[in-house]
Amino acid sequence: MPRRSIARTLVPAVCALWALALSAVAPQAAGQRASARVPRHAALDTSLFTHSENCVACHNNLVTPAGEDVSIGSTWRSTMMANSARDPYWQASVRRETIDHPSRSADIQNECASCHMPMSQRISAAAGAAGNTVFAQLPIAGTDNSDLHRLAADSISCALCHQIAPDRLGTPESYNARFVVKPIPPGTPRIIYGPFAIDAGRQTIMRSVTGYVQAEAPHIRESSFCASCHTLITEAFGPSGEIVGRLPEQMNYQEWQHSDFEKERRTCQACHMPVVPGPVRIASVLGDDRDSLARHVFVGGNAFMVRMLNRFRVELGVAAQPLELEATTRAALRQLQQDTARLAVSEPQWSTVRRGRAEGDVRAEAGKTLGFDVEIRNLSGHKFPTGYPARRAWLHVTVTDESGRAVFESGALSPAGAIAGNDADVNPASFEPHYETITRPDQVQVYESILGDVRGVPTTGLVTATQYLKDNRLLPRGFDKTTAEPDIAVHGEARADPDFGSEGDRVRYEIPLASEGPFTVRVELCYQPIAYRWAHNLESYDAAEPKRFVSYYTSMSSESSVVVARGQVRTR
């Protein structure tokens, strides 16, 4: 039987027929009034995209010669990309922003959906109905089975990423999810982009079955491909909905560009979609063996949220199976603990100091101070933590005597997810400064970005924030803080700290102790993807989504952090 006939016989058994897409438009800019609200079952043209089920049918059951399952579909569906619309923290945050800025609710939903519900957002925008694009599709676990809702639930899916054209990628015109999906004349098949050379026979097969035509596209391997959604510049609104400022909220791509990683051509995909060595098939139906396949695990640092999706998968309408979500959690933890940061502690040294009530106090007595340095190096190609500003890392330092009793501790995490001594966790109008030297238990080195409103008051409201009051996140190798553009600058005391730069950070600890030990110094670099303050600032909002997330966070707060790196030394 001819190859094409075989395809027409076999492939329809596992692949649904895709409709031809008619047109595409870019999402509206922030601040532009959305024109209409989208009814829950609006009669919109959904043929621009197809559901992931139609891709998974052929791109699952992929196994390496060593027996590792590298199926694209089952790997993808347990990631944050596949669950961006189900993310309970995102849903709660969007609701909070619309409550804070009710006159801008349509604009906020439209902008947030551009990255988290991109397919349904584009379809709605194409019909001139881009207003109520988030809450019209919630809950994901509801009974709505319309095409639009299913595409919204599909989050960042196959037919979204693989239709992004190379036009204007890496330029400001593409940021905030303003990538191009090209309009196609009626009767012409849509192009689906991939990284491999195209076999003419298989191109015919895919077109006959799906209506899509493969095209080899080098741009899909480039960091600029990821930059559209991972560069987010928000506009801040005042009390009447007026624009009062802008904030470079997420600048992963620009941080990478300013590092050695860009010079070395180490792309986003190299770390977040690690390659499977070939030969391996990329399709289970008439698929060719390839020398490499990019794992669609999109591994990042949000193991906590993947666990939350697993714990509450029924309520949130998560399609991935528990074992798949657990595998994604383990992949995130491996990356955090192996490829994110390194920590070293210098040999402790004793010094004698005079201690008293004030300088020159004749009653001052001689005492011993234990001094040591902690050096941290960021191994990633962007700031750590990067992306959404709820994330933070910090140093947990403990000095114990021979009996194991702690004689000094800085940065302990409570079961509620708060850091002892961190000002922000006690008072939402305050925050912990960056330190060069730490001498007291209530001083904690926290690597984070603190947002401020137009008055300079700390805020966790993204469309209230106009500035950074602090940004001492660890810099990637090669990042020169003196030449960094304002959108990726270091803010606060870290800017003037000579020991904070592209080689990492060095913090000096000078700890007064009553005896000379011996003591053991243990240091941990800890990481929390959703900081205590960012979660608990949602408590005051009387709406279903914030209340649900706070309850989830409270129930899992003891699991909210992970130790990224450790170091230990003993005094002589």
Protein backbone atom coordinates (compact mmCIF):
# COMPACT_ATOMS: atom_id res chain seq x y z
CA MET A 1 0.00 0.00 0.00
CA PRO A 2 1.44 3.49 -0.78
CA ARG A 3 2.75 5.48 2.19
CA ARG A 4 -0.01 8.09 1.94
CA SER A 5 -2.70 5.42 1.92
CA ILE A 6 -1.21 3.83 5.02
CA ALA A 7 -1.29 7.17 6.75
CA ARG A 8 -4.89 7.78 5.76
CA THR A 9 -5.78 4.37 7.21
CA LEU A 10 -3.77 4.36 10.46
CA VAL A 11 -3.38 7.89 11.67
CA PRO A 12 -7.06 8.88 11.87
CA ALA A 13 -7.45 6.09 14.41
CA VAL A 14 -5.36 8.08 16.88
CA CYS A 15 -5.43 11.69 15.65
CA ALA A 16 -8.52 13.88 15.41
CA LEU A 17 -8.98 16.00 12.30
CA TRP A 18 -7.92 19.62 12.84
CA ALA A 19 -9.82 22.51 11.31
CA LEU A 20 -8.01 25.16 9.30
CA ALA A 21 -7.49 28.36 11.24
CA LEU A 22 -8.69 31.54 9.61
CA SER A 23 -7.00 34.48 11.29
CA ALA A 24 -4.95 35.70 14.24
CA VAL A 25 -4.50 38.97 16.05
CA ALA A 26 -2.12 40.15 18.74
CA PRO A 27 -3.53 40.81 22.22
CA GLN A 28 -4.45 44.33 23.18
CA ALA A 29 -1.89 46.46 24.93
CA ALA A 30 -2.16 47.07 28.65
CA GLY A 31 -4.12 50.22 29.29
CA GLN A 32 -6.22 49.88 26.12
CA ARG A 33 -9.87 49.44 27.03
CA ALA A 34 -11.10 45.95 26.14
CA SER A 35 -14.12 46.28 23.92
CA ALA A 36 -16.55 43.71 25.26
CA ARG A 37 -17.15 40.96 27.74
CA VAL A 38 -17.01 37.35 26.59
CA PRO A 39 -20.12 35.29 27.35
CA ARG A 40 -19.32 31.89 28.81
CA HIS A 41 -20.50 30.06 25.67
CA ALA A 42 -19.82 32.77 23.12
CA ALA A 43 -20.13 31.68 19.50
CA LEU A 44 -16.50 32.44 18.65
CA ASP A 45 -14.33 30.94 15.91
CA THR A 46 -12.10 28.51 17.80
CA SER A 47 -10.44 27.04 14.70
CA LEU A 48 -7.31 29.11 15.21
CA PHE A 49 -6.03 26.48 17.65
CA THR A 50 -6.58 22.83 18.45
CA HIS A 51 -6.75 21.00 21.75
CA SER A 52 -3.67 19.18 23.04
CA GLU A 53 -5.51 15.84 22.84
CA ASN A 54 -5.13 16.03 19.07
CA CYS A 55 -1.34 16.27 19.44
CA VAL A 56 -0.85 13.83 22.29
CA ALA A 57 -2.36 11.03 20.24
CA CYS A 58 0.76 10.83 18.05
CA HIS A 59 3.38 12.41 20.33
CA ASN A 60 3.05 10.06 23.30
CA ASN A 61 4.45 6.57 23.89
CA LEU A 62 7.98 7.78 23.08
CA VAL A 63 10.72 5.71 24.69
CA THR A 64 14.52 5.96 24.51
CA PRO A 65 16.68 2.91 23.74
CA ALA A 66 17.44 2.80 27.48
CA GLY A 67 13.73 2.54 28.27
CA GLU A 68 13.11 6.10 29.53
CA ASP A 69 9.61 7.40 28.75
CA VAL A 70 10.05 10.82 27.10
CA SER A 71 6.51 11.20 25.81
CA ILE A 72 5.82 14.82 24.94
CA GLY A 73 2.17 14.84 25.93
CA SER A 74 2.33 13.16 29.33
CA THR A 75 5.46 15.12 30.26
CA TRP A 76 3.96 18.46 29.26
CA ARG A 77 0.60 18.09 30.98
CA SER A 78 2.12 17.98 34.48
CA THR A 79 4.09 21.22 34.02
CA MET A 80 3.27 24.77 35.06
CA MET A 81 2.98 25.60 31.35
CA ALA A 82 0.12 23.13 30.96
CA ASN A 83 -1.51 24.36 34.17
CA SER A 84 -1.00 28.11 33.94
CA ALA A 85 -4.77 28.65 33.78
CA ARG A 86 -5.35 26.32 36.75
CA ASP A 87 -2.69 27.96 38.93
CA PRO A 88 -4.66 28.92 42.07
CA TYR A 89 -2.18 31.65 43.02
CA TRP A 90 -2.51 33.27 39.61
CA GLN A 91 -6.30 33.12 39.79
CA ALA A 92 -6.25 34.68 43.27
CA SER A 93 -3.84 37.39 42.16
CA VAL A 94 -5.90 38.36 39.12
CA ARG A 95 -8.99 38.62 41.31
CA ARG A 96 -7.07 40.79 43.80
CA GLU A 97 -5.91 43.14 41.03
CA THR A 98 -9.43 43.54 39.63
CA ILE A 99 -10.75 44.32 43.12
CA ASP A 100 -8.01 46.91 43.63
CA HIS A 101 -8.64 48.47 40.20
CA PRO A 102 -12.29 47.74 39.29
CA SER A 103 -12.43 50.23 36.40
CA ARG A 104 -9.55 48.36 34.78
CA SER A 105 -10.86 44.85 35.33
CA ALA A 106 -11.27 44.08 31.61
CA ASP A 107 -7.76 45.31 30.79
CA ILE A 108 -6.19 43.37 33.66
CA GLN A 109 -7.92 40.13 32.70
CA ASN A 110 -7.01 40.58 29.05
CA GLU A 111 -3.35 41.19 29.85
CA CYS A 112 -3.08 38.33 32.34
CA ALA A 113 -4.85 35.89 30.03
CA SER A 114 -2.40 36.71 27.23
CA CYS A 115 0.17 34.46 28.88
CA HIS A 116 -1.90 32.19 31.13
CA MET A 117 -4.88 31.52 28.82
CA PRO A 118 -3.32 32.56 25.50
CA MET A 119 -5.44 30.54 23.08
CA SER A 120 -8.84 31.57 24.44
CA GLN A 121 -7.57 35.14 24.83
CA ARG A 122 -6.51 35.38 21.19
CA ILE A 123 -9.76 33.90 19.97
CA SER A 124 -11.74 36.39 22.05
CA ALA A 125 -9.56 39.29 20.91
CA ALA A 126 -10.04 38.27 17.27
CA ALA A 127 -13.79 38.64 17.78
CA GLY A 128 -13.38 42.01 19.50
CA ALA A 129 -14.52 40.54 22.83
CA ALA A 130 -11.41 40.51 25.00
CA GLY A 131 -12.87 41.72 28.28
CA ASN A 132 -13.94 39.05 30.77
CA THR A 133 -11.36 36.58 29.50
CA VAL A 134 -10.26 35.04 32.82
CA PHE A 135 -13.26 34.67 35.10
CA ALA A 136 -15.60 33.67 32.28
CA GLN A 137 -13.55 30.46 32.03
CA LEU A 138 -13.43 29.64 35.75
CA PRO A 139 -13.65 27.23 37.37
CA ILE A 140 -11.57 25.01 35.13
CA ALA A 141 -13.06 22.00 36.89
CA GLY A 142 -16.60 23.10 36.04
CA THR A 143 -19.09 21.59 33.61
CA ASP A 144 -18.31 23.85 30.65
CA ASN A 145 -17.24 21.68 27.72
CA SER A 146 -17.25 24.36 25.04
CA ASP A 147 -14.34 24.59 22.62
CA LEU A 148 -13.31 27.97 24.04
CA HIS A 149 -13.27 26.68 27.61
CA ARG A 150 -11.28 23.59 26.66
CA LEU A 151 -8.67 25.79 24.97
CA ALA A 152 -8.56 28.06 28.02
CA ALA A 153 -7.98 25.02 30.23
CA ASP A 154 -5.23 23.84 27.88
CA SER A 155 -3.19 26.84 29.04
CA ILE A 156 0.14 27.10 27.17
CA SER A 157 -0.36 24.25 24.74
CA CYS A 158 1.18 22.61 21.67
CA ALA A 159 -0.82 24.56 19.07
CA LEU A 160 0.07 27.82 20.78
CA CYS A 161 3.87 27.56 20.99
CA HIS A 162 4.32 25.72 17.71
CA GLN A 163 2.42 28.37 15.75
CA ILE A 164 4.53 31.30 16.97
CA ALA A 165 6.22 32.87 13.94
CA PRO A 166 9.76 34.29 13.99
CA ASP A 167 8.55 37.82 13.27
CA ARG A 168 9.81 40.46 15.78
CA LEU A 169 10.88 37.88 18.39
CA GLY A 170 13.35 39.34 20.86
CA THR A 171 12.16 42.91 20.24
CA PRO A 172 10.06 45.10 22.56
CA GLU A 173 7.16 44.79 20.12
CA SER A 174 6.86 41.09 21.05
CA TYR A 175 6.98 41.46 24.84
CA ASN A 176 3.91 40.94 27.05
CA ALA A 177 2.89 37.97 24.87
CA ARG A 178 2.68 40.01 21.68
CA PHE A 179 4.15 37.27 19.55
CA VAL A 180 2.89 36.74 16.00
CA VAL A 181 0.59 33.97 14.86
CA LYS A 182 0.25 34.68 11.17
CA PRO A 183 -3.11 34.96 9.45
CA ILE A 184 -3.54 32.31 6.77
CA PRO A 185 -5.81 32.76 3.73
CA PRO A 186 -8.89 30.53 3.71
CA GLY A 187 -8.20 27.17 2.10
CA THR A 188 -4.50 27.29 3.01
CA PRO A 189 -3.16 24.93 5.69
CA ARG A 190 -1.77 26.42 8.88
CA ILE A 191 1.94 26.11 9.56
CA ILE A 192 3.14 24.23 12.61
CA TYR A 193 6.78 25.07 13.45
CA GLY A 194 9.32 22.54 14.67
CA PRO A 195 13.10 22.27 15.05
CA PHE A 196 13.75 19.43 12.60
CA ALA A 197 14.18 19.15 8.84
CA ILE A 198 10.92 18.15 7.21
CA ASP A 199 10.41 14.92 5.31
CA ALA A 200 8.11 15.56 2.34
CA GLY A 201 6.23 12.30 2.80
CA ARG A 202 5.51 12.88 6.46
CA GLN A 203 4.57 16.48 5.73
CA THR A 204 1.89 15.12 3.40
CA ILE A 205 0.74 12.68 6.07
CA MET A 206 0.36 15.35 8.73
CA ARG A 207 -1.47 17.70 6.41
CA SER A 208 -3.90 15.01 5.30
CA VAL A 209 -4.69 14.07 8.89
CA THR A 210 -4.60 17.41 10.69
CA GLY A 211 -4.74 20.23 8.17
CA TYR A 212 -1.40 21.51 9.50
CA VAL A 213 1.85 21.60 7.54
CA GLN A 214 5.20 21.23 9.33
CA ALA A 215 7.93 23.78 8.72
CA GLU A 216 11.50 23.65 9.95
CA ALA A 217 12.00 26.66 12.19
CA PRO A 218 15.35 27.43 13.85
CA HIS A 219 13.73 30.21 15.87
CA ILE A 220 11.97 27.65 18.06
CA ARG A 221 15.35 26.79 19.62
CA GLU A 222 16.25 30.43 20.44
CA SER A 223 15.88 32.28 23.75
CA SER A 224 14.00 35.04 21.95
CA PHE A 225 11.23 32.49 21.39
CA CYS A 226 10.64 32.40 25.17
CA ALA A 227 11.07 36.15 25.65
CA SER A 228 7.58 37.16 24.55
CA CYS A 229 5.83 35.75 27.61
CA HIS A 230 8.80 35.88 29.97
CA THR A 231 9.27 39.61 29.51
CA LEU A 232 6.44 41.40 31.26
CA ILE A 233 6.21 45.16 31.64
CA THR A 234 3.14 46.20 33.60
CA GLU A 235 1.38 49.55 33.76
CA ALA A 236 0.39 50.81 37.20
CA PHE A 237 -3.06 52.29 37.75
CA GLY A 238 -4.14 55.00 40.13
CA PRO A 239 -7.41 55.25 42.11
CA SER A 240 -9.42 56.34 39.07
CA GLY A 241 -7.83 53.87 36.69
CA GLU A 242 -5.34 56.38 35.31
CA ILE A 243 -1.87 55.14 34.35
CA VAL A 244 0.61 56.32 36.99
CA GLY A 245 3.76 54.41 36.01
CA ARG A 246 5.30 51.26 34.59
CA LEU A 247 7.21 48.36 36.08
CA PRO A 248 9.62 45.89 34.41
CA GLU A 249 8.04 43.06 36.37
CA GLN A 250 9.68 40.03 34.70
CA MET A 251 12.88 40.45 32.71
CA ASN A 252 14.33 36.93 32.46
CA TYR A 253 15.40 37.39 28.84
CA GLN A 254 17.15 40.72 29.40
CA GLU A 255 18.97 39.34 32.44
CA TRP A 256 20.16 36.44 30.28
CA GLN A 257 21.27 38.83 27.53
CA HIS A 258 23.43 40.72 30.03
CA SER A 259 25.17 37.53 31.18
CA ASP A 260 27.87 35.22 29.85
CA PHE A 261 25.18 32.70 28.98
CA GLU A 262 24.07 34.77 26.00
CA LYS A 263 27.66 35.04 24.75
CA GLU A 264 28.08 31.27 25.12
CA ARG A 265 24.79 30.61 23.28
CA ARG A 266 23.38 28.73 26.26
CA THR A 267 19.69 29.22 25.59
CA CYS A 268 16.62 29.01 27.81
CA GLN A 269 15.75 25.70 26.19
CA ALA A 270 19.16 24.23 27.05
CA CYS A 271 18.31 24.38 30.77
CA HIS A 272 14.52 24.22 30.83
CA MET A 273 14.01 21.65 28.04
CA PRO A 274 17.06 19.38 28.48
CA VAL A 275 17.83 17.22 25.47
CA VAL A 276 17.31 13.46 25.31
CA PRO A 277 20.24 11.90 23.43
CA GLY A 278 19.09 10.01 20.35
CA PRO A 279 18.17 8.02 18.56
CA VAL A 280 14.59 8.57 19.69
CA ARG A 281 11.32 8.79 17.81
CA ILE A 282 9.41 12.05 18.02
CA ALA A 283 6.08 10.53 17.00
CA SER A 284 4.65 7.14 17.86
CA VAL A 285 2.90 6.85 14.49
CA LEU A 286 5.31 6.66 11.53
CA GLY A 287 7.80 8.82 13.41
CA ASP A 288 11.44 9.18 12.43
CA ASP A 289 14.34 8.58 14.81
CA ARG A 290 16.07 11.84 15.72
CA ASP A 291 19.49 12.53 17.16
CA SER A 292 17.92 14.50 20.00
CA LEU A 293 14.56 15.41 21.47
CA ALA A 294 13.90 18.31 23.80
CA ARG A 295 12.13 17.13 26.92
CA HIS A 296 8.88 19.04 27.29
CA VAL A 297 9.22 19.15 31.07
CA PHE A 298 9.82 22.96 31.13
CA VAL A 299 11.64 22.41 34.39
CA GLY A 300 11.71 25.44 36.68
CA GLY A 301 11.80 26.23 40.37
CA ASN A 302 8.13 26.04 41.34
CA ALA A 303 8.03 22.58 42.89
CA PHE A 304 5.74 23.95 45.61
CA MET A 305 3.01 24.90 43.14
CA VAL A 306 3.23 21.59 41.27
CA ARG A 307 2.73 19.85 44.61
CA MET A 308 -0.25 22.10 45.30
CA LEU A 309 -1.74 21.21 41.91
CA ASN A 310 -1.29 17.56 42.81
CA ARG A 311 -2.75 17.90 46.31
CA PHE A 312 -5.87 19.71 45.04
CA ARG A 313 -5.99 18.28 41.52
CA VAL A 314 -9.70 17.43 41.59
CA GLU A 315 -10.81 20.89 42.76
CA LEU A 316 -8.53 22.58 40.23
CA GLY A 317 -9.45 20.34 37.31
CA VAL A 318 -5.89 19.11 36.75
CA ALA A 319 -5.71 16.54 33.96
CA ALA A 320 -2.24 15.20 34.76
CA GLN A 321 -2.02 12.06 36.86
CA PRO A 322 -0.50 12.14 40.38
CA LEU A 323 2.62 10.20 39.34
CA GLU A 324 3.21 12.59 36.44
CA LEU A 325 2.94 15.61 38.75
CA GLU A 326 5.28 13.98 41.24
CA ALA A 327 7.82 13.35 38.47
CA THR A 328 7.70 17.05 37.52
CA THR A 329 8.14 18.01 41.18
CA ARG A 330 11.24 15.80 41.43
CA ALA A 331 12.65 17.32 38.23
CA ALA A 332 12.20 20.82 39.67
CA LEU A 333 13.87 19.83 42.93
CA ARG A 334 16.81 18.26 41.06
CA GLN A 335 17.34 21.46 39.09
CA LEU A 336 17.11 23.64 42.19
CA GLN A 337 19.54 21.50 44.18
CA GLN A 338 22.03 20.64 41.44
CA ASP A 339 22.06 23.44 38.87
CA THR A 340 20.97 26.63 40.63
CA ALA A 341 23.57 27.81 43.15
CA ARG A 342 26.74 26.91 45.03
CA LEU A 343 27.61 27.90 48.58
CA ALA A 344 30.90 27.96 50.50
CA VAL A 345 31.73 28.86 54.10
CA SER A 346 35.18 30.12 55.05
CA GLU A 347 37.15 28.78 57.99
CA PRO A 348 35.90 30.56 61.14
CA GLN A 349 38.30 32.91 62.90
CA TRP A 350 38.19 34.27 66.43
CA SER A 351 38.74 37.88 67.34
CA THR A 352 38.67 39.74 70.65
CA VAL A 353 36.39 42.77 70.99
CA ARG A 354 35.47 45.18 73.73
CA ARG A 355 31.79 45.10 74.51
CA GLY A 356 29.86 47.68 76.54
CA ARG A 357 26.80 49.85 76.58
CA ALA A 358 28.37 52.50 74.41
CA GLU A 359 31.64 53.22 72.69
CA GLY A 360 34.27 54.05 75.28
CA ASP A 361 32.27 52.58 78.17
CA VAL A 362 34.87 51.80 80.90
CA ARG A 363 32.72 48.91 82.05
CA ALA A 364 33.13 47.15 78.72
CA GLU A 365 34.48 43.63 78.97
CA ALA A 366 36.60 41.66 76.55
CA GLY A 367 34.62 39.10 74.50
CA LYS A 368 35.13 36.71 71.65
CA THR A 369 33.58 37.10 68.21
CA LEU A 370 33.38 34.28 65.70
CA GLY A 371 33.83 35.55 62.17
CA PHE A 372 33.31 33.75 58.86
CA ASP A 373 32.29 34.51 55.28
CA VAL A 374 29.51 32.91 53.27
CA GLU A 375 29.94 32.99 49.50
CA ILE A 376 27.06 32.21 47.14
CA ARG A 377 27.29 31.83 43.38
CA ASN A 378 24.33 31.78 41.01
CA LEU A 379 24.68 29.01 38.40
CA SER A 380 21.65 29.96 36.32
CA GLY A 381 21.57 32.23 33.28
CA HIS A 382 19.43 34.94 34.89
CA LYS A 383 18.95 36.42 38.33
CA PHE A 384 18.09 34.01 41.10
CA PRO A 385 15.28 34.09 41.95
CA THR A 386 13.93 35.42 38.66
CA GLY A 387 10.52 35.92 37.09
CA TYR A 388 7.50 36.56 39.28
CA PRO A 389 8.54 38.82 42.21
CA ALA A 390 6.88 36.67 44.89
CA ARG A 391 10.00 34.50 44.89
CA ARG A 392 12.82 34.85 47.40
CA ALA A 393 15.97 33.10 48.55
CA TRP A 394 17.77 33.61 51.86
CA LEU A 395 20.58 32.41 54.09
CA HIS A 396 19.72 30.24 57.06
CA VAL A 397 22.78 30.25 59.35
CA THR A 398 23.05 28.19 62.53
CA VAL A 399 25.93 27.93 64.99
CA THR A 400 25.70 25.00 67.41
CA ASP A 401 27.84 23.84 70.31
CA GLU A 402 29.08 20.29 70.92
CA SER A 403 25.75 19.26 72.41
CA GLY A 404 23.88 20.42 69.31
CA ARG A 405 22.38 23.45 71.05
CA ALA A 406 21.99 26.50 68.80
CA VAL A 407 23.94 29.49 70.14
CA PHE A 408 23.11 31.61 67.09
CA GLU A 409 20.51 31.33 64.33
CA SER A 410 19.57 33.69 61.50
CA GLY A 411 16.92 32.95 58.86
CA ALA A 412 14.93 30.13 60.44
CA LEU A 413 11.64 29.39 58.67
CA SER A 414 8.51 28.96 60.75
CA PRO A 415 5.92 26.26 59.93
CA ALA A 416 3.71 29.11 58.62
CA GLY A 417 6.31 29.99 55.97
CA ALA A 418 7.61 33.18 57.62
CA ILE A 419 11.33 33.90 58.10
CA ALA A 420 12.27 34.77 61.69
CA GLY A 421 13.77 38.25 61.82
CA ASN A 422 12.57 39.24 58.32
CA ASP A 423 10.86 42.62 58.63
CA ALA A 424 8.45 42.09 55.71
CA ASP A 425 6.93 38.97 57.25
CA VAL A 426 6.06 40.94 60.40
CA ASN A 427 5.08 44.26 58.83
CA PRO A 428 3.80 44.53 55.24
CA ALA A 429 4.97 48.16 55.09
CA SER A 430 8.57 47.18 55.77
CA PHE A 431 11.28 44.94 54.34
CA GLU A 432 14.69 43.53 55.23
CA PRO A 433 17.69 45.49 53.89
CA HIS A 434 20.63 43.94 52.05
CA TYR A 435 23.55 43.23 54.38
CA GLU A 436 27.32 43.22 53.96
CA THR A 437 27.86 42.10 57.57
CA ILE A 438 25.48 40.32 59.93
CA THR A 439 25.98 40.41 63.69
CA ARG A 440 22.53 39.68 65.15
CA PRO A 441 19.98 36.85 64.84
CA ASP A 442 17.28 39.28 63.67
CA GLN A 443 19.34 40.23 60.61
CA VAL A 444 18.69 37.98 57.61
CA GLN A 445 20.20 38.08 54.13
CA VAL A 446 17.18 37.79 51.83
CA TYR A 447 17.67 37.82 48.05
CA GLU A 448 14.47 39.28 46.63
CA SER A 449 12.78 42.07 44.75
CA ILE A 450 10.61 44.44 46.79
CA LEU A 451 8.07 46.47 44.82
CA GLY A 452 6.96 49.98 45.75
CA ASP A 453 3.99 52.13 44.80
CA VAL A 454 4.14 55.76 43.68
CA ARG A 455 4.65 56.83 47.31
CA GLY A 456 7.49 54.40 47.87
CA VAL A 457 5.41 52.09 50.08
CA PRO A 458 6.04 48.34 49.66
CA THR A 459 3.31 46.53 47.75
CA THR A 460 2.57 43.09 46.35
CA GLY A 461 0.08 44.52 43.87
CA LEU A 462 1.61 44.21 40.40
CA VAL A 463 -0.50 46.94 38.82
CA THR A 464 -0.02 49.20 41.83
CA ALA A 465 3.79 48.95 41.73
CA THR A 466 5.86 51.57 39.90
CA GLN A 467 9.39 50.91 41.20
CA TYR A 468 11.81 48.56 42.94
CA LEU A 469 12.71 49.49 46.50
CA LYS A 470 15.11 46.56 46.68
CA ASP A 471 16.50 44.10 44.16
CA ASN A 472 19.48 42.13 45.39
CA ARG A 473 18.66 38.89 43.62
CA LEU A 474 21.81 36.91 42.86
CA LEU A 475 23.31 37.89 39.50
CA PRO A 476 24.26 35.44 36.75
CA ARG A 477 27.86 34.97 35.71
CA GLY A 478 29.07 37.89 33.59
CA PHE A 479 26.33 40.29 34.73
CA ASP A 480 27.91 43.74 35.23
CA LYS A 481 25.69 45.67 37.63
CA THR A 482 27.38 48.96 36.74
CA THR A 483 26.37 48.75 33.08
CA ALA A 484 22.97 47.04 33.44
CA GLU A 485 20.01 48.84 31.88
CA PRO A 486 17.54 50.38 34.37
CA ASP A 487 14.99 47.62 33.74
CA ILE A 488 17.37 44.96 35.10
CA ALA A 489 19.32 47.09 37.58
CA VAL A 490 20.32 46.23 41.13
CA HIS A 491 18.40 48.33 43.68
CA GLY A 492 19.07 49.16 47.30
CA GLU A 493 22.20 48.58 49.37
CA ALA A 494 23.43 45.76 47.12
CA ARG A 495 24.26 48.26 44.40
CA ALA A 496 27.07 49.73 46.52
CA ASP A 497 28.18 46.42 48.06
CA PRO A 498 31.63 45.60 46.58
CA ASP A 499 31.14 41.92 47.40
CA PHE A 500 27.88 41.66 45.43
CA GLY A 501 28.31 41.17 41.68
CA SER A 502 28.68 38.75 38.82
CA GLU A 503 30.79 36.41 40.95
CA GLY A 504 27.96 36.11 43.46
CA ASP A 505 27.69 37.55 46.95
CA ARG A 506 29.89 37.36 50.02
CA VAL A 507 28.32 38.00 53.42
CA ARG A 508 30.40 38.47 56.55
CA TYR A 509 29.11 37.05 59.84
CA GLU A 510 30.53 38.46 63.11
CA ILE A 511 28.90 36.61 65.99
CA PRO A 512 29.61 37.46 69.65
CA LEU A 513 29.82 34.26 71.70
CA ALA A 514 30.41 33.55 75.37
CA SER A 515 32.97 30.80 74.84
CA GLU A 516 35.37 29.48 72.24
CA GLY A 517 33.46 26.30 71.55
CA PRO A 518 34.17 24.26 69.58
CA PHE A 519 31.20 25.13 67.37
CA THR A 520 29.72 23.91 64.10
CA VAL A 521 28.57 26.47 61.52
CA ARG A 522 25.83 25.30 59.14
CA VAL A 523 24.59 27.45 56.27
CA GLU A 524 21.69 26.80 53.93
CA LEU A 525 20.57 28.77 50.89
CA CYS A 526 16.79 28.41 50.99
CA TYR A 527 14.24 29.23 48.30
CA GLN A 528 10.53 29.96 48.45
CA PRO A 529 8.56 30.48 45.19
CA ILE A 530 5.71 32.24 47.00
CA ALA A 531 6.90 34.28 49.95
CA TYR A 532 4.86 34.53 53.14
CA ARG A 533 3.94 38.19 52.60
CA TRP A 534 2.83 37.63 48.99
CA ALA A 535 0.47 34.88 50.11
CA HIS A 536 -0.91 36.51 53.23
CA ASN A 537 -1.53 39.90 51.63
CA LEU A 538 -4.44 38.11 49.90
CA GLU A 539 -6.20 37.41 53.22
CA SER A 540 -8.14 40.67 53.23
CA TYR A 541 -9.85 40.04 49.88
CA ASP A 542 -13.38 38.74 50.20
CA ALA A 543 -13.50 36.65 47.05
CA ALA A 544 -13.45 32.94 46.32
CA GLU A 545 -10.07 32.72 44.59
CA PRO A 546 -7.96 34.56 47.22
CA LYS A 547 -9.70 32.74 50.07
CA ARG A 548 -9.12 29.37 48.41
CA PHE A 549 -5.44 30.04 47.75
CA VAL A 550 -4.74 31.27 51.28
CA SER A 551 -6.34 28.10 52.64
CA TYR A 552 -4.17 25.99 50.30
CA TYR A 553 -1.03 27.91 51.28
CA THR A 554 -1.78 27.65 54.99
CA SER A 555 -2.31 23.90 54.73
CA MET A 556 1.01 23.44 52.87
CA SER A 557 3.14 26.27 54.30
CA SER A 558 5.57 23.87 55.97
CA GLU A 559 6.39 22.61 52.44
CA SER A 560 6.74 26.07 50.91
CA SER A 561 10.55 26.14 50.73
CA VAL A 562 13.45 24.04 49.55
CA VAL A 563 17.15 24.06 50.48
CA VAL A 564 19.09 24.87 47.30
CA ALA A 565 22.66 24.61 48.66
CA ARG A 566 24.45 23.80 51.91
CA GLY A 567 27.78 24.37 53.58
CA GLN A 568 29.28 23.39 56.94
CA VAL A 569 32.49 24.10 58.88
CA ARG A 570 33.77 23.54 62.43
CA THR A 571 35.85 25.81 64.58
CA ARG A 572 39.23 24.60 65.68
